[in-house]
C-alpha atoms as a PDB file:
ATOM      1  CA  MET A   1       0.000   0.000   0.000  1.00  0.00           C
ATOM      2  CA  ASP A   2       1.325   3.449  -0.907  1.00  0.00           C
ATOM      3  CA  GLN A   3       2.263   5.707   1.956  1.00  0.00           C
ATOM      4  CA  PRO A   4      -0.515   8.237   2.565  1.00  0.00           C
ATOM      5  CA  THR A   5      -0.208  11.963   3.126  1.00  0.00           C
ATOM      6  CA  VAL A   6      -1.648  12.840   6.527  1.00  0.00           C
ATOM      7  CA  GLY A   7      -3.054  16.129   7.788  1.00  0.00           C
ATOM      8  CA  ILE A   8      -3.305  16.896  11.518  1.00  0.00           C
ATOM      9  CA  LEU A   9      -5.881  19.299  12.973  1.00  0.00           C
ATOM     10  CA  HIS A  10      -4.307  20.645  15.177  1.00  0.00           C
ATOM     11  CA  PRO A  11      -0.825  20.108  16.665  1.00  0.00           C
ATOM     12  CA  GLY A  12      -1.559  20.483  20.356  1.00  0.00           C
ATOM     13  CA  SER A  13       0.445  18.415  22.847  1.00  0.00           C
ATOM     14  CA  MET A  14      -1.471  15.244  21.921  1.00  0.00           C
ATOM     15  CA  GLY A  15      -2.054  16.056  18.247  1.00  0.00           C
ATOM     16  CA  ALA A  16       1.557  16.894  17.444  1.00  0.00           C
ATOM     17  CA  ALA A  17       2.906  13.759  19.149  1.00  0.00           C
ATOM     18  CA  VAL A  18       0.324  11.522  17.444  1.00  0.00           C
ATOM     19  CA  ALA A  19       1.112  13.150  14.095  1.00  0.00           C
ATOM     20  CA  ALA A  20       4.824  12.481  14.644  1.00  0.00           C
ATOM     21  CA  CYS A  21       4.025   8.772  15.072  1.00  0.00           C
ATOM     22  CA  ALA A  22       1.872   8.811  11.930  1.00  0.00           C
ATOM     23  CA  ALA A  23       4.791  10.397  10.063  1.00  0.00           C
ATOM     24  CA  ILE A  24       6.773   7.177  10.459  1.00  0.00           C
ATOM     25  CA  ASN A  25       4.467   5.450   7.962  1.00  0.00           C
ATOM     26  CA  ALA A  26       3.303   8.497   5.977  1.00  0.00           C
ATOM     27  CA  ALA A  27       4.698  10.112   2.868  1.00  0.00           C
ATOM     28  CA  GLU A  28       4.243  13.496   4.531  1.00  0.00           C
ATOM     29  CA  THR A  29       2.493  14.905   7.589  1.00  0.00           C
ATOM     30  CA  LEU A  30       0.911  18.329   7.141  1.00  0.00           C
ATOM     31  CA  TRP A  31      -0.520  20.974   9.423  1.00  0.00           C
ATOM     32  CA  CYS A  32      -2.131  24.341   8.726  1.00  0.00           C
ATOM     33  CA  LYS A  33      -0.252  27.179  10.393  1.00  0.00           C
ATOM     34  CA  THR A  34      -2.797  29.943   9.699  1.00  0.00           C
ATOM     35  CA  GLY A  35      -4.202  31.347  12.927  1.00  0.00           C
ATOM     36  CA  ARG A  36      -2.245  28.996  15.154  1.00  0.00           C
ATOM     37  CA  SER A  37      -0.259  30.066  18.213  1.00  0.00           C
ATOM     38  CA  THR A  38       3.493  30.374  18.565  1.00  0.00           C
ATOM     39  CA  ALA A  39       3.380  27.296  20.801  1.00  0.00           C
ATOM     40  CA  SER A  40       1.731  25.298  17.991  1.00  0.00           C
ATOM     41  CA  VAL A  41       4.381  26.462  15.538  1.00  0.00           C
ATOM     42  CA  GLU A  42       7.136  25.381  17.910  1.00  0.00           C
ATOM     43  CA  ARG A  43       5.499  21.992  18.590  1.00  0.00           C
ATOM     44  CA  ALA A  44       4.992  21.310  14.903  1.00  0.00           C
ATOM     45  CA  ALA A  45       8.629  22.131  14.174  1.00  0.00           C
ATOM     46  CA  GLN A  46       9.799  19.972  17.079  1.00  0.00           C
ATOM     47  CA  PHE A  47       7.915  16.967  15.707  1.00  0.00           C
ATOM     48  CA  GLY A  48       8.938  17.535  12.085  1.00  0.00           C
ATOM     49  CA  LEU A  49       5.515  18.376  10.665  1.00  0.00           C
ATOM     50  CA  THR A  50       5.238  20.180   7.324  1.00  0.00           C
ATOM     51  CA  PRO A  51       3.438  23.541   7.446  1.00  0.00           C
ATOM     52  CA  VAL A  52       0.966  24.592   4.751  1.00  0.00           C
ATOM     53  CA  PRO A  53      -0.629  28.052   4.542  1.00  0.00           C
ATOM     54  CA  THR A  54      -4.294  27.106   4.218  1.00  0.00           C
ATOM     55  CA  LEU A  55      -6.784  24.442   5.263  1.00  0.00           C
ATOM     56  CA  THR A  56      -7.715  24.046   1.605  1.00  0.00           C
ATOM     57  CA  GLU A  57      -4.169  23.042   0.674  1.00  0.00           C
ATOM     58  CA  LEU A  58      -3.948  20.614   3.593  1.00  0.00           C
ATOM     59  CA  LEU A  59      -7.189  18.921   2.551  1.00  0.00           C
ATOM     60  CA  ASP A  60      -6.325  18.849  -1.135  1.00  0.00           C
ATOM     61  CA  ARG A  61      -3.014  17.099  -0.395  1.00  0.00           C
ATOM     62  CA  SER A  62      -4.123  14.754   2.415  1.00  0.00           C
ATOM     63  CA  ASP A  63      -5.412  11.197   2.078  1.00  0.00           C
ATOM     64  CA  ILE A  64      -6.083  10.973   5.824  1.00  0.00           C
ATOM     65  CA  VAL A  65      -6.996  13.815   8.171  1.00  0.00           C
ATOM     66  CA  ILE A  66      -6.828  13.382  11.954  1.00  0.00           C
ATOM     67  CA  SER A  67      -8.842  15.772  14.115  1.00  0.00           C
ATOM     68  CA  LEU A  68      -7.484  16.248  17.658  1.00  0.00           C
ATOM     69  CA  CYS A  69      -8.770  19.455  19.194  1.00  0.00           C
ATOM     70  CA  PRO A  70     -10.707  20.655  22.276  1.00  0.00           C
ATOM     71  CA  PRO A  71     -14.065  18.815  22.374  1.00  0.00           C
ATOM     72  CA  ALA A  72     -16.118  22.003  22.064  1.00  0.00           C
ATOM     73  CA  ALA A  73     -14.514  22.784  18.683  1.00  0.00           C
ATOM     74  CA  ALA A  74     -14.864  19.307  17.159  1.00  0.00           C
ATOM     75  CA  GLU A  75     -18.084  19.788  15.194  1.00  0.00           C
ATOM     76  CA  ASP A  76     -17.195  23.237  13.878  1.00  0.00           C
ATOM     77  CA  LEU A  77     -13.853  21.921  12.699  1.00  0.00           C
ATOM     78  CA  ALA A  78     -15.494  18.916  11.045  1.00  0.00           C
ATOM     79  CA  ARG A  79     -18.003  21.227   9.372  1.00  0.00           C
ATOM     80  CA  ASP A  80     -15.133  23.322   7.962  1.00  0.00           C
ATOM     81  CA  VAL A  81     -13.440  20.201   6.577  1.00  0.00           C
ATOM     82  CA  SER A  82     -16.615  18.738   5.090  1.00  0.00           C
ATOM     83  CA  GLY A  83     -17.377  22.089   3.489  1.00  0.00           C
ATOM     84  CA  HIS A  84     -14.217  21.711   1.419  1.00  0.00           C
ATOM     85  CA  ARG A  85     -15.598  18.430   0.015  1.00  0.00           C
ATOM     86  CA  PHE A  86     -12.755  16.422   1.535  1.00  0.00           C
ATOM     87  CA  ALA A  87     -12.943  12.911   0.082  1.00  0.00           C
ATOM     88  CA  GLY A  88     -10.415  10.911   2.088  1.00  0.00           C
ATOM     89  CA  VAL A  89     -10.537   9.312   5.554  1.00  0.00           C
ATOM     90  CA  PHE A  90     -11.431  11.685   8.397  1.00  0.00           C
ATOM     91  CA  VAL A  91     -10.414  10.394  11.838  1.00  0.00           C
ATOM     92  CA  GLU A  92     -12.606  12.045  14.483  1.00  0.00           C
ATOM     93  CA  ALA A  93     -10.327  11.415  17.465  1.00  0.00           C
ATOM     94  CA  ASN A  94     -11.719  13.940  19.932  1.00  0.00           C
ATOM     95  CA  ALA A  95     -13.245  13.214  23.340  1.00  0.00           C
ATOM     96  CA  ILE A  96     -16.857  13.702  22.260  1.00  0.00           C
ATOM     97  CA  ASN A  97     -19.972  11.619  22.759  1.00  0.00           C
ATOM     98  CA  PRO A  98     -21.113   8.967  20.257  1.00  0.00           C
ATOM     99  CA  GLU A  99     -24.108  11.017  19.075  1.00  0.00           C
ATOM    100  CA  ARG A 100     -21.834  13.904  18.105  1.00  0.00           C
ATOM    101  CA  VAL A 101     -19.518  11.557  16.223  1.00  0.00           C
ATOM    102  CA  GLN A 102     -22.482  10.163  14.309  1.00  0.00           C
ATOM    103  CA  ARG A 103     -23.602  13.702  13.425  1.00  0.00           C
ATOM    104  CA  ILE A 104     -20.099  14.419  12.161  1.00  0.00           C
ATOM    105  CA  ALA A 105     -20.150  11.242  10.066  1.00  0.00           C
ATOM    106  CA  GLY A 106     -23.362  12.532   8.510  1.00  0.00           C
ATOM    107  CA  LEU A 107     -21.627  15.761   7.505  1.00  0.00           C
ATOM    108  CA  PHE A 108     -19.129  13.857   5.360  1.00  0.00           C
ATOM    109  CA  ALA A 109     -21.417  11.341   3.657  1.00  0.00           C
ATOM    110  CA  PRO A 110     -21.016  10.270   0.929  1.00  0.00           C
ATOM    111  CA  ASP A 111     -17.780  12.054  -0.055  1.00  0.00           C
ATOM    112  CA  ALA A 112     -15.485  10.991   2.781  1.00  0.00           C
ATOM    113  CA  THR A 113     -15.208   8.098   5.224  1.00  0.00           C
ATOM    114  CA  VAL A 114     -15.314   8.886   8.935  1.00  0.00           C
ATOM    115  CA  VAL A 115     -13.432   6.745  11.447  1.00  0.00           C
ATOM    116  CA  ASP A 116     -14.340   7.185  15.099  1.00  0.00           C
ATOM    117  CA  GLY A 117     -11.260   7.394  17.304  1.00  0.00           C
ATOM    118  CA  GLY A 118     -10.529   7.696  21.000  1.00  0.00           C
ATOM    119  CA  VAL A 119      -7.078   8.120  22.530  1.00  0.00           C
ATOM    120  CA  VAL A 120      -6.620   6.559  25.969  1.00  0.00           C
ATOM    121  CA  GLY A 121      -3.354   7.438  27.639  1.00  0.00           C
ATOM    122  CA  SER A 122      -0.765  10.213  27.620  1.00  0.00           C
ATOM    123  CA  PRO A 123       0.836  11.738  24.491  1.00  0.00           C
ATOM    124  CA  PRO A 124       3.277   9.278  22.873  1.00  0.00           C
ATOM    125  CA  VAL A 125       6.521  10.867  24.047  1.00  0.00           C
ATOM    126  CA  GLY A 126       9.146   9.816  26.577  1.00  0.00           C
ATOM    127  CA  GLY A 127       8.264   6.139  26.350  1.00  0.00           C
ATOM    128  CA  LYS A 128       4.486   6.611  26.724  1.00  0.00           C
ATOM    129  CA  THR A 129       2.371   4.327  24.504  1.00  0.00           C
ATOM    130  CA  PRO A 130      -1.266   5.451  24.335  1.00  0.00           C
ATOM    131  CA  THR A 131      -3.904   3.361  22.580  1.00  0.00           C
ATOM    132  CA  LEU A 132      -5.918   4.817  19.716  1.00  0.00           C
ATOM    133  CA  TYR A 133      -9.198   2.913  19.709  1.00  0.00           C
ATOM    134  CA  LEU A 134     -10.954   2.874  16.346  1.00  0.00           C
ATOM    135  CA  SER A 135     -14.399   2.024  15.030  1.00  0.00           C
ATOM    136  CA  GLY A 136     -15.969   2.424  11.629  1.00  0.00           C
ATOM    137  CA  PRO A 137     -15.813   0.890   8.137  1.00  0.00           C
ATOM    138  CA  ALA A 138     -13.344  -2.005   8.155  1.00  0.00           C
ATOM    139  CA  ASP A 139     -11.274  -0.863   5.174  1.00  0.00           C
ATOM    140  CA  ALA A 140     -10.812   2.601   6.690  1.00  0.00           C
ATOM    141  CA  THR A 141      -9.910   1.389  10.196  1.00  0.00           C
ATOM    142  CA  ALA A 142      -7.405  -0.995   8.593  1.00  0.00           C
ATOM    143  CA  ARG A 143      -5.724   1.988   6.916  1.00  0.00           C
ATOM    144  CA  ILE A 144      -5.413   3.778  10.250  1.00  0.00           C
ATOM    145  CA  GLU A 145      -4.047   0.636  11.903  1.00  0.00           C
ATOM    146  CA  ALA A 146      -1.404   0.449   9.175  1.00  0.00           C
ATOM    147  CA  LEU A 147      -0.596   4.126   9.614  1.00  0.00           C
ATOM    148  CA  PHE A 148       0.369   3.546  13.259  1.00  0.00           C
ATOM    149  CA  ALA A 149       1.999   0.128  12.856  1.00  0.00           C
ATOM    150  CA  ASP A 150       5.273  -0.155  14.790  1.00  0.00           C
ATOM    151  CA  THR A 151       4.880   3.271  16.425  1.00  0.00           C
ATOM    152  CA  ALA A 152       4.322   4.414  20.003  1.00  0.00           C
ATOM    153  CA  VAL A 153       0.593   4.760  19.249  1.00  0.00           C
ATOM    154  CA  GLN A 154      -1.098   1.381  19.585  1.00  0.00           C
ATOM    155  CA  ALA A 155      -4.109   1.259  17.260  1.00  0.00           C
ATOM    156  CA  ALA A 156      -6.925  -1.119  18.249  1.00  0.00           C
ATOM    157  CA  VAL A 157     -10.100  -1.692  16.222  1.00  0.00           C
ATOM    158  CA  LEU A 158     -13.273  -2.211  18.264  1.00  0.00           C
ATOM    159  CA  GLY A 159     -15.771  -2.795  15.466  1.00  0.00           C
ATOM    160  CA  THR A 160     -17.510  -1.246  12.487  1.00  0.00           C
ATOM    161  CA  LYS A 161     -19.989   1.007  14.297  1.00  0.00           C
ATOM    162  CA  VAL A 162     -19.121   4.706  14.443  1.00  0.00           C
ATOM    163  CA  GLY A 163     -19.493   5.721  18.091  1.00  0.00           C
ATOM    164  CA  GLN A 164     -17.951   2.673  19.756  1.00  0.00           C
ATOM    165  CA  ALA A 165     -14.494   4.214  20.133  1.00  0.00           C
ATOM    166  CA  SER A 166     -15.924   7.433  21.553  1.00  0.00           C
ATOM    167  CA  ALA A 167     -18.110   5.479  23.972  1.00  0.00           C
ATOM    168  CA  LEU A 168     -15.082   3.605  25.304  1.00  0.00           C
ATOM    169  CA  LYS A 169     -13.044   6.796  25.601  1.00  0.00           C
ATOM    170  CA  LEU A 170     -15.772   8.638  27.528  1.00  0.00           C
ATOM    171  CA  SER A 171     -16.619   5.629  29.709  1.00  0.00           C
ATOM    172  CA  TYR A 172     -13.024   5.500  30.877  1.00  0.00           C
ATOM    173  CA  ALA A 173     -12.684   9.285  31.125  1.00  0.00           C
ATOM    174  CA  ALA A 174     -15.858   9.492  33.219  1.00  0.00           C
ATOM    175  CA  PHE A 175     -14.281   7.266  35.845  1.00  0.00           C
ATOM    176  CA  GLN A 176     -10.679   8.414  35.620  1.00  0.00           C
ATOM    177  CA  LYS A 177     -11.266  12.149  35.613  1.00  0.00           C
ATOM    178  CA  THR A 178     -14.130  12.171  38.105  1.00  0.00           C
ATOM    179  CA  SER A 179     -11.968  10.070  40.421  1.00  0.00           C
ATOM    180  CA  ARG A 180      -9.311  12.795  40.380  1.00  0.00           C
ATOM    181  CA  VAL A 181     -11.917  15.393  41.318  1.00  0.00           C
ATOM    182  CA  LEU A 182     -13.153  13.157  44.126  1.00  0.00           C
ATOM    183  CA  VAL A 183      -9.578  12.930  45.411  1.00  0.00           C
ATOM    184  CA  ALA A 184      -9.440  16.728  45.535  1.00  0.00           C
ATOM    185  CA  LEU A 185     -12.695  16.887  47.501  1.00  0.00           C
ATOM    186  CA  ALA A 186     -11.691  14.129  49.920  1.00  0.00           C
ATOM    187  CA  VAL A 187      -8.239  15.564  50.598  1.00  0.00           C
ATOM    188  CA  GLY A 188      -9.667  19.071  50.790  1.00  0.00           C
ATOM    189  CA  MET A 189     -12.205  18.057  53.431  1.00  0.00           C
ATOM    190  CA  ALA A 190      -9.589  16.129  55.422  1.00  0.00           C
ATOM    191  CA  ARG A 191      -7.120  19.023  55.277  1.00  0.00           C
ATOM    192  CA  GLU A 192      -9.673  21.437  56.707  1.00  0.00           C
ATOM    193  CA  HIS A 193      -9.841  19.160  59.758  1.00  0.00           C
ATOM    194  CA  GLY A 194      -6.118  18.441  59.956  1.00  0.00           C
ATOM    195  CA  VAL A 195      -6.305  14.754  59.030  1.00  0.00           C
ATOM    196  CA  ASP A 196      -5.164  14.799  55.386  1.00  0.00           C
ATOM    197  CA  GLN A 197      -1.977  12.794  56.003  1.00  0.00           C
ATOM    198  CA  GLU A 198      -3.960  10.156  57.872  1.00  0.00           C
ATOM    199  CA  LEU A 199      -6.395   9.974  54.933  1.00  0.00           C
ATOM    200  CA  VAL A 200      -3.536   9.227  52.551  1.00  0.00           C
ATOM    201  CA  GLU A 201      -2.256   6.518  54.890  1.00  0.00           C
ATOM    202  CA  VAL A 202      -5.686   4.881  55.027  1.00  0.00           C
ATOM    203  CA  ALA A 203      -6.008   4.981  51.238  1.00  0.00           C
ATOM    204  CA  SER A 204      -2.489   3.655  50.643  1.00  0.00           C
ATOM    205  CA  ARG A 205      -3.498   0.331  52.158  1.00  0.00           C
ATOM    206  CA  ARG A 206      -5.595  -0.269  49.037  1.00  0.00           C
ATOM    207  CA  THR A 207      -4.230   0.543  45.586  1.00  0.00           C
ATOM    208  CA  ASP A 208      -6.555  -1.437  43.275  1.00  0.00           C
ATOM    209  CA  SER A 209      -8.837   0.433  40.899  1.00  0.00           C
ATOM    210  CA  TYR A 210     -12.543   0.058  41.589  1.00  0.00           C
ATOM    211  CA  LEU A 211     -13.099   0.191  37.837  1.00  0.00           C
ATOM    212  CA  ALA A 212     -11.494  -3.251  37.585  1.00  0.00           C
ATOM    213  CA  GLU A 213     -14.104  -4.661  40.000  1.00  0.00           C
ATOM    214  CA  PRO A 214     -17.470  -4.257  38.224  1.00  0.00           C
ATOM    215  CA  GLU A 215     -18.900  -7.232  40.121  1.00  0.00           C
ATOM    216  CA  TYR A 216     -18.916  -5.012  43.236  1.00  0.00           C
ATOM    217  CA  VAL A 217     -21.616  -2.839  41.646  1.00  0.00           C
ATOM    218  CA  ALA A 218     -24.278  -5.298  42.848  1.00  0.00           C
ATOM    219  CA  THR A 219     -22.975  -5.003  46.404  1.00  0.00           C
ATOM    220  CA  THR A 220     -23.026  -1.220  46.048  1.00  0.00           C
ATOM    221  CA  ALA A 221     -26.664  -1.368  44.933  1.00  0.00           C
ATOM    222  CA  ALA A 222     -27.644  -3.490  47.946  1.00  0.00           C
ATOM    223  CA  ARG A 223     -25.965  -0.999  50.286  1.00  0.00           C
ATOM    224  CA  ALA A 224     -27.154   2.130  48.485  1.00  0.00           C
ATOM    225  CA  TRP A 225     -29.931   2.775  50.996  1.00  0.00           C
ATOM    226  CA  ARG A 226     -27.339   3.674  53.605  1.00  0.00           C
ATOM    227  CA  TRP A 227     -24.495   4.855  51.352  1.00  0.00           C
ATOM    228  CA  GLY A 228     -26.674   7.612  49.872  1.00  0.00           C
ATOM    229  CA  PRO A 229     -27.382   9.328  53.203  1.00  0.00           C
ATOM    230  CA  GLU A 230     -23.700   8.931  54.105  1.00  0.00           C
ATOM    231  CA  LEU A 231     -22.745  10.850  50.967  1.00  0.00           C
ATOM    232  CA  GLU A 232     -25.319  13.521  51.793  1.00  0.00           C
ATOM    233  CA  GLU A 233     -23.563  13.909  55.159  1.00  0.00           C
ATOM    234  CA  ALA A 234     -20.210  14.155  53.354  1.00  0.00           C
ATOM    235  CA  ALA A 235     -21.693  16.764  50.995  1.00  0.00           C
ATOM    236  CA  ASP A 236     -22.814  18.793  54.009  1.00  0.00           C
ATOM    237  CA  ALA A 237     -19.288  18.542  55.424  1.00  0.00           C
ATOM    238  CA  LEU A 238     -17.823  19.831  52.158  1.00  0.00           C
ATOM    239  CA  ALA A 239     -20.254  22.733  52.049  1.00  0.00           C
ATOM    240  CA  ALA A 240     -19.418  23.620  55.649  1.00  0.00           C
ATOM    241  CA  VAL A 241     -15.775  24.258  54.757  1.00  0.00           C
ATOM    242  CA  GLY A 242     -16.519  26.035  51.467  1.00  0.00           C
ATOM    243  CA  LEU A 243     -15.840  23.100  49.130  1.00  0.00           C
ATOM    244  CA  PRO A 244     -18.354  22.273  46.349  1.00  0.00           C
ATOM    245  CA  PRO A 245     -20.840  19.568  47.446  1.00  0.00           C
ATOM    246  CA  GLU A 246     -22.659  19.012  44.137  1.00  0.00           C
ATOM    247  CA  MET A 247     -20.708  15.966  42.988  1.00  0.00           C
ATOM    248  CA  LEU A 248     -21.463  14.011  46.161  1.00  0.00           C
ATOM    249  CA  ARG A 249     -25.120  15.060  46.091  1.00  0.00           C
ATOM    250  CA  ALA A 250     -25.307  13.779  42.507  1.00  0.00           C
ATOM    251  CA  ALA A 251     -23.746  10.479  43.602  1.00  0.00           C
ATOM    252  CA  ALA A 252     -26.320  10.220  46.402  1.00  0.00           C
ATOM    253  CA  SER A 253     -29.078  10.847  43.864  1.00  0.00           C
ATOM    254  CA  THR A 254     -27.710   8.006  41.718  1.00  0.00           C
ATOM    255  CA  LEU A 255     -27.620   5.656  44.716  1.00  0.00           C
ATOM    256  CA  ALA A 256     -31.264   6.483  45.412  1.00  0.00           C
ATOM    257  CA  ARG A 257     -32.180   4.624  42.227  1.00  0.00           C
ATOM    258  CA  TRP A 258     -31.218   1.439  44.081  1.00  0.00           C
ATOM    259  CA  ASP A 259     -33.308   2.079  47.208  1.00  0.00           C
ATOM    260  CA  GLU A 260     -35.590  -0.880  46.472  1.00  0.00           C
ATOM    261  CA  ALA A 261     -32.574  -3.221  46.296  1.00  0.00           C
ATOM    262  CA  LYS A 262     -31.965  -2.787  50.027  1.00  0.00           C
ATOM    263  CA  ASP A 263     -29.768  -5.622  51.362  1.00  0.00           C
ATOM    264  CA  ASP A 264     -30.598  -7.826  48.335  1.00  0.00           C
ATOM    265  CA  GLY A 265     -27.897 -10.481  48.490  1.00  0.00           C
ATOM    266  CA  GLU A 266     -29.144 -12.133  45.295  1.00  0.00           C
ATOM    267  CA  LEU A 267     -28.727  -9.050  43.114  1.00  0.00           C
ATOM    268  CA  THR A 268     -26.514  -9.526  40.042  1.00  0.00           C
ATOM    269  CA  LEU A 269     -24.432  -6.990  38.147  1.00  0.00           C
ATOM    270  CA  THR A 270     -26.960  -7.092  35.304  1.00  0.00           C
ATOM    271  CA  ASP A 271     -29.853  -6.486  37.708  1.00  0.00           C
ATOM    272  CA  ALA A 272     -28.077  -3.547  39.302  1.00  0.00           C
ATOM    273  CA  LEU A 273     -27.221  -1.893  35.992  1.00  0.00           C
ATOM    274  CA  ASP A 274     -30.749  -2.456  34.673  1.00  0.00           C
ATOM    275  CA  ARG A 275     -32.137  -0.654  37.725  1.00  0.00           C
ATOM    276  CA  LEU A 276     -29.872   2.321  37.030  1.00  0.00           C
ATOM    277  CA  VAL A 277     -31.226   2.601  33.493  1.00  0.00           C
ATOM    278  CA  GLN A 278     -34.854   1.957  34.458  1.00  0.00           C
ATOM    279  CA  PRO A 279     -35.334   2.978  38.084  1.00  0.00           C
END
């Protein structure tokens, strides 16, 4: 297969590093310098990307375009690209929800092929090896797999349905990023009462990720009747020291959907999840 020309929109810290990996198997890797910051210019130069003056030139020359930008800008950027009648493979690799990805795919039909992408992990520099999950038409995802073969970006195809990669990305991000915020709230509350070091010591006795224990969800559901009020108490404690309580109140509201599962030792993971969807 001939080496493709790849365009990257835009070379942020993740985009530039991913583009540099793509360059290993590409004929050329382009970026549009118009309107970009000095930091973008420096990053693009650092990673050996080729500047072009306009988006039109980038799209005319590119076989594959990879979109990696802030989530809020994803659809506007896709609309700009589709408006130029781009006819190659457009990799929508932003952290956006599956419905938005499907809308974007609709913008390009039938001229271009959209591949849904989701990057899990840190930028591929300094030994980091993120995974680029892909979903969409098999021939197109195969091209993207080939583009990142033997690079620090590990491409993994999930299936042919646009939206699957974004769903996986956001499912993981929902846990990972919310967990970091919860850490801030927990440590913040403990610090206000002078027990933050003790909190860290308690937590250090357990290092496993709860996300790797989905079977415990059923146990959570059976205990929700008392966990919910406990979180309301914790929310009150946060509010009392000026920390935001809304996240814990939302968690308590979620637990309330399991009130009727009180102390149900026979509850399965499937039962518990079904009750969340249809309380």
